[in-house]
PDB file of all heavy atoms in Angstrom:
ATOM      1  N   HIS A   1      39.024  65.768 -34.788  1.00  0.00           N
ATOM      2  CA  HIS A   1      39.620  64.651 -35.515  1.00  0.00           C
ATOM      3  C   HIS A   1      39.990  63.524 -34.556  1.00  0.00           C
ATOM      4  O   HIS A   1      40.347  63.776 -33.411  1.00  0.00           O
ATOM      5  CB  HIS A   1      40.875  65.130 -36.254  1.00  0.00           C
ATOM      6  CG  HIS A   1      40.596  66.240 -37.210  1.00  0.00           C
ATOM      7  ND1 HIS A   1      39.943  66.062 -38.397  1.00  0.00           N
ATOM      8  CD2 HIS A   1      40.877  67.576 -37.131  1.00  0.00           C
ATOM      9  CE1 HIS A   1      39.840  67.218 -39.035  1.00  0.00           C
ATOM     10  NE2 HIS A   1      40.388  68.155 -38.279  1.00  0.00           N
ATOM     11  N   PRO A   2      39.899  62.279 -35.020  1.00  0.00           N
ATOM     12  CA  PRO A   2      40.288  61.154 -34.175  1.00  0.00           C
ATOM     13  C   PRO A   2      41.724  61.331 -33.680  1.00  0.00           C
ATOM     14  O   PRO A   2      42.612  61.721 -34.430  1.00  0.00           O
ATOM     15  CB  PRO A   2      40.164  59.945 -35.114  1.00  0.00           C
ATOM     16  CG  PRO A   2      39.178  60.379 -36.166  1.00  0.00           C
ATOM     17  CD  PRO A   2      39.405  61.859 -36.339  1.00  0.00           C
ATOM     18  N   GLY A   3      41.932  61.057 -32.426  1.00  0.00           N
ATOM     19  CA  GLY A   3      43.262  61.171 -31.852  1.00  0.00           C
ATOM     20  C   GLY A   3      43.558  62.508 -31.223  1.00  0.00           C
ATOM     21  O   GLY A   3      44.605  62.681 -30.605  1.00  0.00           O
ATOM     22  N   ASP A   4      42.659  63.483 -31.440  1.00  0.00           N
ATOM     23  CA  ASP A   4      42.868  64.775 -30.790  1.00  0.00           C
ATOM     24  C   ASP A   4      42.882  64.581 -29.279  1.00  0.00           C
ATOM     25  O   ASP A   4      42.024  63.892 -28.730  1.00  0.00           O
ATOM     26  CB  ASP A   4      41.739  65.746 -31.147  1.00  0.00           C
ATOM     27  CG  ASP A   4      41.933  66.350 -32.536  1.00  0.00           C
ATOM     28  OD1 ASP A   4      42.992  66.089 -33.136  1.00  0.00           O
ATOM     29  OD2 ASP A   4      41.024  67.066 -32.997  1.00  0.00           O
ATOM     30  N   PRO A   5      43.850  65.180 -28.580  1.00  0.00           N
ATOM     31  CA  PRO A   5      43.920  64.992 -27.125  1.00  0.00           C
ATOM     32  C   PRO A   5      42.774  65.687 -26.398  1.00  0.00           C
ATOM     33  O   PRO A   5      42.420  65.293 -25.294  1.00  0.00           O
ATOM     34  CB  PRO A   5      45.271  65.616 -26.752  1.00  0.00           C
ATOM     35  CG  PRO A   5      45.548  66.601 -27.852  1.00  0.00           C
ATOM     36  CD  PRO A   5      44.972  65.988 -29.096  1.00  0.00           C
ATOM     37  N   ALA A   6      42.229  66.739 -27.006  1.00  0.00           N
ATOM     38  CA  ALA A   6      41.156  67.485 -26.334  1.00  0.00           C
ATOM     39  C   ALA A   6      39.878  66.675 -26.336  1.00  0.00           C
ATOM     40  O   ALA A   6      39.519  66.044 -27.326  1.00  0.00           O
ATOM     41  CB  ALA A   6      40.938  68.826 -27.026  1.00  0.00           C
ATOM     42  N   MET A   7      39.186  66.706 -25.212  1.00  0.00           N
ATOM     43  CA  MET A   7      37.887  66.047 -25.123  1.00  0.00           C
ATOM     44  C   MET A   7      36.844  66.889 -25.835  1.00  0.00           C
ATOM     45  O   MET A   7      36.935  68.120 -25.857  1.00  0.00           O
ATOM     46  CB  MET A   7      37.488  65.851 -23.661  1.00  0.00           C
ATOM     47  CG  MET A   7      38.388  64.911 -22.902  1.00  0.00           C
ATOM     48  SD  MET A   7      38.244  63.227 -23.519  1.00  0.00           S
ATOM     49  CE  MET A   7      36.563  62.842 -23.009  1.00  0.00           C
ATOM     50  N   PRO A   8      35.813  66.253 -26.409  1.00  0.00           N
ATOM     51  CA  PRO A   8      34.749  67.031 -27.048  1.00  0.00           C
ATOM     52  C   PRO A   8      34.063  67.932 -26.028  1.00  0.00           C
ATOM     53  O   PRO A   8      33.967  67.590 -24.850  1.00  0.00           O
ATOM     54  CB  PRO A   8      33.778  65.952 -27.560  1.00  0.00           C
ATOM     55  CG  PRO A   8      34.577  64.695 -27.610  1.00  0.00           C
ATOM     56  CD  PRO A   8      35.591  64.818 -26.514  1.00  0.00           C
ATOM     57  N   PRO A   9      33.586  69.098 -26.458  1.00  0.00           N
ATOM     58  CA  PRO A   9      32.887  69.997 -25.537  1.00  0.00           C
ATOM     59  C   PRO A   9      31.554  69.402 -25.134  1.00  0.00           C
ATOM     60  O   PRO A   9      31.052  68.466 -25.765  1.00  0.00           O
ATOM     61  CB  PRO A   9      32.688  71.264 -26.369  1.00  0.00           C
ATOM     62  CG  PRO A   9      32.650  70.772 -27.787  1.00  0.00           C
ATOM     63  CD  PRO A   9      33.623  69.619 -27.829  1.00  0.00           C
ATOM     64  N   PRO A  10      30.944  69.909 -24.072  1.00  0.00           N
ATOM     65  CA  PRO A  10      29.605  69.442 -23.699  1.00  0.00           C
ATOM     66  C   PRO A  10      28.626  69.688 -24.844  1.00  0.00           C
ATOM     67  O   PRO A  10      28.866  70.539 -25.699  1.00  0.00           O
ATOM     68  CB  PRO A  10      29.259  70.308 -22.477  1.00  0.00           C
ATOM     69  CG  PRO A  10      30.548  70.840 -21.985  1.00  0.00           C
ATOM     70  CD  PRO A  10      31.439  70.954 -23.173  1.00  0.00           C
ATOM     71  N   PRO A  11      27.540  68.935 -24.901  1.00  0.00           N
ATOM     72  CA  PRO A  11      26.551  69.158 -25.959  1.00  0.00           C
ATOM     73  C   PRO A  11      26.109  70.617 -26.000  1.00  0.00           C
ATOM     74  O   PRO A  11      25.953  71.261 -24.958  1.00  0.00           O
ATOM     75  CB  PRO A  11      25.392  68.238 -25.554  1.00  0.00           C
ATOM     76  CG  PRO A  11      26.018  67.179 -24.706  1.00  0.00           C
ATOM     77  CD  PRO A  11      27.139  67.863 -23.986  1.00  0.00           C
ATOM     78  N   ALA A  12      25.933  71.131 -27.204  1.00  0.00           N
ATOM     79  CA  ALA A  12      25.563  72.538 -27.370  1.00  0.00           C
ATOM     80  C   ALA A  12      24.048  72.695 -27.216  1.00  0.00           C
ATOM     81  O   ALA A  12      23.317  72.844 -28.185  1.00  0.00           O
ATOM     82  CB  ALA A  12      26.022  73.045 -28.737  1.00  0.00           C
ATOM     83  N   TRP A  13      23.588  72.642 -25.982  1.00  0.00           N
ATOM     84  CA  TRP A  13      22.164  72.801 -25.713  1.00  0.00           C
ATOM     85  C   TRP A  13      21.728  74.213 -26.057  1.00  0.00           C
ATOM     86  O   TRP A  13      22.417  75.189 -25.754  1.00  0.00           O
ATOM     87  CB  TRP A  13      21.869  72.517 -24.243  1.00  0.00           C
ATOM     88  CG  TRP A  13      21.891  71.066 -23.880  1.00  0.00           C
ATOM     89  CD1 TRP A  13      22.949  70.366 -23.379  1.00  0.00           C
ATOM     90  CD2 TRP A  13      20.804  70.139 -23.974  1.00  0.00           C
ATOM     91  NE1 TRP A  13      22.592  69.063 -23.156  1.00  0.00           N
ATOM     92  CE2 TRP A  13      21.288  68.892 -23.505  1.00  0.00           C
ATOM     93  CE3 TRP A  13      19.474  70.242 -24.400  1.00  0.00           C
ATOM     94  CZ2 TRP A  13      20.482  67.758 -23.463  1.00  0.00           C
ATOM     95  CZ3 TRP A  13      18.670  69.112 -24.362  1.00  0.00           C
ATOM     96  CH2 TRP A  13      19.174  67.888 -23.896  1.00  0.00           C
ATOM     97  N   ARG A  14      20.575  74.323 -26.674  1.00  0.00           N
ATOM     98  CA  ARG A  14      20.007  75.614 -27.037  1.00  0.00           C
ATOM     99  C   ARG A  14      18.528  75.649 -26.684  1.00  0.00           C
ATOM    100  O   ARG A  14      17.829  74.634 -26.764  1.00  0.00           O
ATOM    101  CB  ARG A  14      20.134  75.870 -28.545  1.00  0.00           C
ATOM    102  CG  ARG A  14      21.558  75.789 -29.093  1.00  0.00           C
ATOM    103  CD  ARG A  14      22.379  76.993 -28.664  1.00  0.00           C
ATOM    104  NE  ARG A  14      23.738  76.950 -29.199  1.00  0.00           N
ATOM    105  CZ  ARG A  14      24.074  77.460 -30.391  1.00  0.00           C
ATOM    106  NH1 ARG A  14      23.163  78.007 -31.160  1.00  0.00           N
ATOM    107  NH2 ARG A  14      25.325  77.401 -30.795  1.00  0.00           N
ATOM    108  N   LEU A  15      18.047  76.836 -26.320  1.00  0.00           N
ATOM    109  CA  LEU A  15      16.619  77.113 -26.229  1.00  0.00           C
ATOM    110  C   LEU A  15      16.199  77.873 -27.476  1.00  0.00           C
ATOM    111  O   LEU A  15      16.926  78.757 -27.944  1.00  0.00           O
ATOM    112  CB  LEU A  15      16.294  77.963 -25.000  1.00  0.00           C
ATOM    113  CG  LEU A  15      16.155  77.263 -23.655  1.00  0.00           C
ATOM    114  CD1 LEU A  15      15.949  78.309 -22.558  1.00  0.00           C
ATOM    115  CD2 LEU A  15      14.997  76.268 -23.659  1.00  0.00           C
ATOM    116  N   VAL A  16      15.043  77.527 -28.005  1.00  0.00           N
ATOM    117  CA  VAL A  16      14.528  78.141 -29.224  1.00  0.00           C
ATOM    118  C   VAL A  16      13.122  78.668 -28.948  1.00  0.00           C
ATOM    119  O   VAL A  16      12.280  77.932 -28.424  1.00  0.00           O
ATOM    120  CB  VAL A  16      14.472  77.132 -30.386  1.00  0.00           C
ATOM    121  CG1 VAL A  16      14.082  77.841 -31.683  1.00  0.00           C
ATOM    122  CG2 VAL A  16      15.783  76.393 -30.548  1.00  0.00           C
ATOM    123  N   VAL A  17      12.856  79.916 -29.293  1.00  0.00           N
ATOM    124  CA  VAL A  17      11.497  80.453 -29.171  1.00  0.00           C
ATOM    125  C   VAL A  17      10.689  79.978 -30.367  1.00  0.00           C
ATOM    126  O   VAL A  17      11.020  80.276 -31.521  1.00  0.00           O
ATOM    127  CB  VAL A  17      11.507  81.989 -29.098  1.00  0.00           C
ATOM    128  CG1 VAL A  17      10.079  82.526 -29.056  1.00  0.00           C
ATOM    129  CG2 VAL A  17      12.280  82.463 -27.871  1.00  0.00           C
ATOM    130  N   LEU A  18       9.626  79.222 -30.092  1.00  0.00           N
ATOM    131  CA  LEU A  18       8.790  78.649 -31.144  1.00  0.00           C
ATOM    132  C   LEU A  18       7.450  79.355 -31.295  1.00  0.00           C
ATOM    133  O   LEU A  18       6.681  79.041 -32.200  1.00  0.00           O
ATOM    134  CB  LEU A  18       8.555  77.160 -30.858  1.00  0.00           C
ATOM    135  CG  LEU A  18       9.808  76.295 -30.795  1.00  0.00           C
ATOM    136  CD1 LEU A  18       9.453  74.867 -30.388  1.00  0.00           C
ATOM    137  CD2 LEU A  18      10.548  76.296 -32.135  1.00  0.00           C
ATOM    138  N   GLY A  19       7.160  80.301 -30.424  1.00  0.00           N
ATOM    139  CA  GLY A  19       5.915  81.065 -30.486  1.00  0.00           C
ATOM    140  C   GLY A  19       5.886  82.055 -29.338  1.00  0.00           C
ATOM    141  O   GLY A  19       6.524  81.830 -28.308  1.00  0.00           O
ATOM    142  N   ILE A  20       5.150  83.157 -29.514  1.00  0.00           N
ATOM    143  CA  ILE A  20       5.157  84.210 -28.495  1.00  0.00           C
ATOM    144  C   ILE A  20       3.768  84.654 -28.080  1.00  0.00           C
ATOM    145  O   ILE A  20       3.628  85.457 -27.157  1.00  0.00           O
ATOM    146  CB  ILE A  20       5.943  85.443 -28.975  1.00  0.00           C
ATOM    147  CG1 ILE A  20       5.210  86.165 -30.119  1.00  0.00           C
ATOM    148  CG2 ILE A  20       7.354  85.067 -29.374  1.00  0.00           C
ATOM    149  CD1 ILE A  20       5.734  87.563 -30.396  1.00  0.00           C
ATOM    150  N   ALA A  21       2.705  84.172 -28.721  1.00  0.00           N
ATOM    151  CA  ALA A  21       1.367  84.720 -28.507  1.00  0.00           C
ATOM    152  C   ALA A  21       0.619  84.008 -27.387  1.00  0.00           C
ATOM    153  O   ALA A  21       0.951  82.888 -26.997  1.00  0.00           O
ATOM    154  CB  ALA A  21       0.552  84.646 -29.793  1.00  0.00           C
ATOM    155  N   GLN A  22      -0.411  84.679 -26.885  1.00  0.00           N
ATOM    156  CA  GLN A  22      -1.336  84.085 -25.929  1.00  0.00           C
ATOM    157  C   GLN A  22      -2.077  82.934 -26.612  1.00  0.00           C
ATOM    158  O   GLN A  22      -1.963  82.720 -27.816  1.00  0.00           O
ATOM    159  CB  GLN A  22      -2.292  85.190 -25.424  1.00  0.00           C
ATOM    160  CG  GLN A  22      -3.283  84.770 -24.361  1.00  0.00           C
ATOM    161  CD  GLN A  22      -4.622  84.344 -24.937  1.00  0.00           C
ATOM    162  OE1 GLN A  22      -4.864  84.419 -26.137  1.00  0.00           O
ATOM    163  NE2 GLN A  22      -5.497  83.885 -24.056  1.00  0.00           N
ATOM    164  N   ASP A  23      -2.869  82.197 -25.858  1.00  0.00           N
ATOM    165  CA  ASP A  23      -3.451  80.927 -26.290  1.00  0.00           C
ATOM    166  C   ASP A  23      -4.117  80.946 -27.658  1.00  0.00           C
ATOM    167  O   ASP A  23      -4.118  79.945 -28.375  1.00  0.00           O
ATOM    168  CB  ASP A  23      -4.480  80.455 -25.259  1.00  0.00           C
ATOM    169  CG  ASP A  23      -3.886  80.244 -23.879  1.00  0.00           C
ATOM    170  OD1 ASP A  23      -2.894  80.911 -23.550  1.00  0.00           O
ATOM    171  OD2 ASP A  23      -4.419  79.424 -23.120  1.00  0.00           O
ATOM    172  N   GLY A  24      -4.726  82.073 -28.053  1.00  0.00           N
ATOM    173  CA  GLY A  24      -5.445  82.143 -29.322  1.00  0.00           C
ATOM    174  C   GLY A  24      -4.596  82.509 -30.509  1.00  0.00           C
ATOM    175  O   GLY A  24      -5.080  82.485 -31.650  1.00  0.00           O
ATOM    176  N   GLY A  25      -3.320  82.823 -30.292  1.00  0.00           N
ATOM    177  CA  GLY A  25      -2.440  83.168 -31.398  1.00  0.00           C
ATOM    178  C   GLY A  25      -2.823  84.496 -32.045  1.00  0.00           C
ATOM    179  O   GLY A  25      -3.707  85.209 -31.602  1.00  0.00           O
ATOM    180  N   VAL A  26      -2.101  84.820 -33.132  1.00  0.00           N
ATOM    181  CA  VAL A  26      -2.380  86.009 -33.939  1.00  0.00           C
ATOM    182  C   VAL A  26      -2.312  85.604 -35.407  1.00  0.00           C
ATOM    183  O   VAL A  26      -1.276  85.123 -35.854  1.00  0.00           O
ATOM    184  CB  VAL A  26      -1.353  87.133 -33.665  1.00  0.00           C
ATOM    185  CG1 VAL A  26      -1.667  88.356 -34.525  1.00  0.00           C
ATOM    186  CG2 VAL A  26      -1.322  87.519 -32.193  1.00  0.00           C
ATOM    187  N   PRO A  27      -3.418  85.736 -36.185  1.00  0.00           N
ATOM    188  CA  PRO A  27      -4.656  86.411 -35.815  1.00  0.00           C
ATOM    189  C   PRO A  27      -5.487  85.600 -34.823  1.00  0.00           C
ATOM    190  O   PRO A  27      -5.501  84.382 -34.870  1.00  0.00           O
ATOM    191  CB  PRO A  27      -5.393  86.567 -37.148  1.00  0.00           C
ATOM    192  CG  PRO A  27      -4.889  85.436 -37.978  1.00  0.00           C
ATOM    193  CD  PRO A  27      -3.449  85.249 -37.574  1.00  0.00           C
ATOM    194  N   HIS A  28      -6.173  86.326 -33.982  1.00  0.00           N
ATOM    195  CA  HIS A  28      -7.001  85.743 -32.940  1.00  0.00           C
ATOM    196  C   HIS A  28      -8.432  85.653 -33.450  1.00  0.00           C
ATOM    197  O   HIS A  28      -8.931  86.584 -34.081  1.00  0.00           O
ATOM    198  CB  HIS A  28      -6.934  86.655 -31.706  1.00  0.00           C
ATOM    199  CG  HIS A  28      -7.499  86.074 -30.463  1.00  0.00           C
ATOM    200  ND1 HIS A  28      -8.844  86.060 -30.183  1.00  0.00           N
ATOM    201  CD2 HIS A  28      -6.893  85.491 -29.392  1.00  0.00           C
ATOM    202  CE1 HIS A  28      -9.042  85.507 -29.002  1.00  0.00           C
ATOM    203  NE2 HIS A  28      -7.882  85.147 -28.498  1.00  0.00           N
ATOM    204  N   MET A  29      -9.090  84.540 -33.199  1.00  0.00           N
ATOM    205  CA  MET A  29     -10.458  84.368 -33.668  1.00  0.00           C
ATOM    206  C   MET A  29     -11.346  85.476 -33.106  1.00  0.00           C
ATOM    207  O   MET A  29     -11.327  85.756 -31.908  1.00  0.00           O
ATOM    208  CB  MET A  29     -10.984  83.001 -33.235  1.00  0.00           C
ATOM    209  CG  MET A  29     -12.309  82.624 -33.837  1.00  0.00           C
ATOM    210  SD  MET A  29     -12.731  80.897 -33.425  1.00  0.00           S
ATOM    211  CE  MET A  29     -14.284  80.742 -34.306  1.00  0.00           C
ATOM    212  N   GLY A  30     -12.121  86.131 -33.976  1.00  0.00           N
ATOM    213  CA  GLY A  30     -13.009  87.203 -33.563  1.00  0.00           C
ATOM    214  C   GLY A  30     -12.371  88.574 -33.548  1.00  0.00           C
ATOM    215  O   GLY A  30     -13.052  89.567 -33.272  1.00  0.00           O
ATOM    216  N   CYS A  31     -11.079  88.659 -33.831  1.00  0.00           N
ATOM    217  CA  CYS A  31     -10.370  89.940 -33.846  1.00  0.00           C
ATOM    218  C   CYS A  31     -10.245  90.431 -35.281  1.00  0.00           C
ATOM    219  O   CYS A  31      -9.759  89.703 -36.157  1.00  0.00           O
ATOM    220  CB  CYS A  31      -8.988  89.780 -33.220  1.00  0.00           C
ATOM    221  SG  CYS A  31      -7.943  91.245 -33.345  1.00  0.00           S
ATOM    222  N   ASP A  32     -10.679  91.664 -35.522  1.00  0.00           N
ATOM    223  CA  ASP A  32     -10.619  92.214 -36.880  1.00  0.00           C
ATOM    224  C   ASP A  32      -9.857  93.538 -36.936  1.00  0.00           C
ATOM    225  O   ASP A  32     -10.103  94.366 -37.816  1.00  0.00           O
ATOM    226  CB  ASP A  32     -12.032  92.400 -37.448  1.00  0.00           C
ATOM    227  CG  ASP A  32     -12.883  93.359 -36.623  1.00  0.00           C
ATOM    228  OD1 ASP A  32     -12.379  93.869 -35.603  1.00  0.00           O
ATOM    229  OD2 ASP A  32     -14.047  93.593 -36.997  1.00  0.00           O
ATOM    230  N   LYS A  33      -8.940  93.744 -36.006  1.00  0.00           N
ATOM    231  CA  LYS A  33      -8.189  94.994 -35.977  1.00  0.00           C
ATOM    232  C   LYS A  33      -6.748  94.726 -35.579  1.00  0.00           C
ATOM    233  O   LYS A  33      -6.369  93.596 -35.249  1.00  0.00           O
ATOM    234  CB  LYS A  33      -8.829  95.983 -35.006  1.00  0.00           C
ATOM    235  CG  LYS A  33      -8.901  95.496 -33.565  1.00  0.00           C
ATOM    236  CD  LYS A  33      -9.653  96.471 -32.672  1.00  0.00           C
ATOM    237  CE  LYS A  33     -11.125  96.532 -33.052  1.00  0.00           C
ATOM    238  NZ  LYS A  33     -11.910  97.374 -32.096  1.00  0.00           N
ATOM    239  N   GLY A  34      -5.937  95.772 -35.596  1.00  0.00           N
ATOM    240  CA  GLY A  34      -4.550  95.668 -35.157  1.00  0.00           C
ATOM    241  C   GLY A  34      -3.766  94.605 -35.893  1.00  0.00           C
ATOM    242  O   GLY A  34      -3.925  94.417 -37.106  1.00  0.00           O
ATOM    243  N   PRO A  35      -2.895  93.884 -35.178  1.00  0.00           N
ATOM    244  CA  PRO A  35      -2.068  92.868 -35.837  1.00  0.00           C
ATOM    245  C   PRO A  35      -2.891  91.748 -36.466  1.00  0.00           C
ATOM    246  O   PRO A  35      -2.461  91.144 -37.446  1.00  0.00           O
ATOM    247  CB  PRO A  35      -1.167  92.347 -34.716  1.00  0.00           C
ATOM    248  CG  PRO A  35      -1.844  92.726 -33.450  1.00  0.00           C
ATOM    249  CD  PRO A  35      -2.586  93.993 -33.742  1.00  0.00           C
ATOM    250  N   CYS A  36      -4.067  91.457 -35.907  1.00  0.00           N
ATOM    251  CA  CYS A  36      -4.918  90.415 -36.495  1.00  0.00           C
ATOM    252  C   CYS A  36      -5.301  90.794 -37.921  1.00  0.00           C
ATOM    253  O   CYS A  36      -5.195  89.983 -38.854  1.00  0.00           O
ATOM    254  CB  CYS A  36      -6.182  90.217 -35.662  1.00  0.00           C
ATOM    255  SG  CYS A  36      -5.888  89.763 -33.944  1.00  0.00           S
ATOM    256  N   ALA A  37      -5.776  92.029 -38.092  1.00  0.00           N
ATOM    257  CA  ALA A  37      -6.160  92.490 -39.422  1.00  0.00           C
ATOM    258  C   ALA A  37      -4.955  92.564 -40.342  1.00  0.00           C
ATOM    259  O   ALA A  37      -5.049  92.253 -41.541  1.00  0.00           O
ATOM    260  CB  ALA A  37      -6.847  93.851 -39.316  1.00  0.00           C
TER     261      ALA A  37
END
């Protein structure tokens, strides 16, 4: 609130995982088994 003596905390920086797969992703082109299938 305005007038609060406490200073605002530092910006809440976060890291977010946006993907985990190797370059071809999943399903991977040419793959017809396992997680791809």
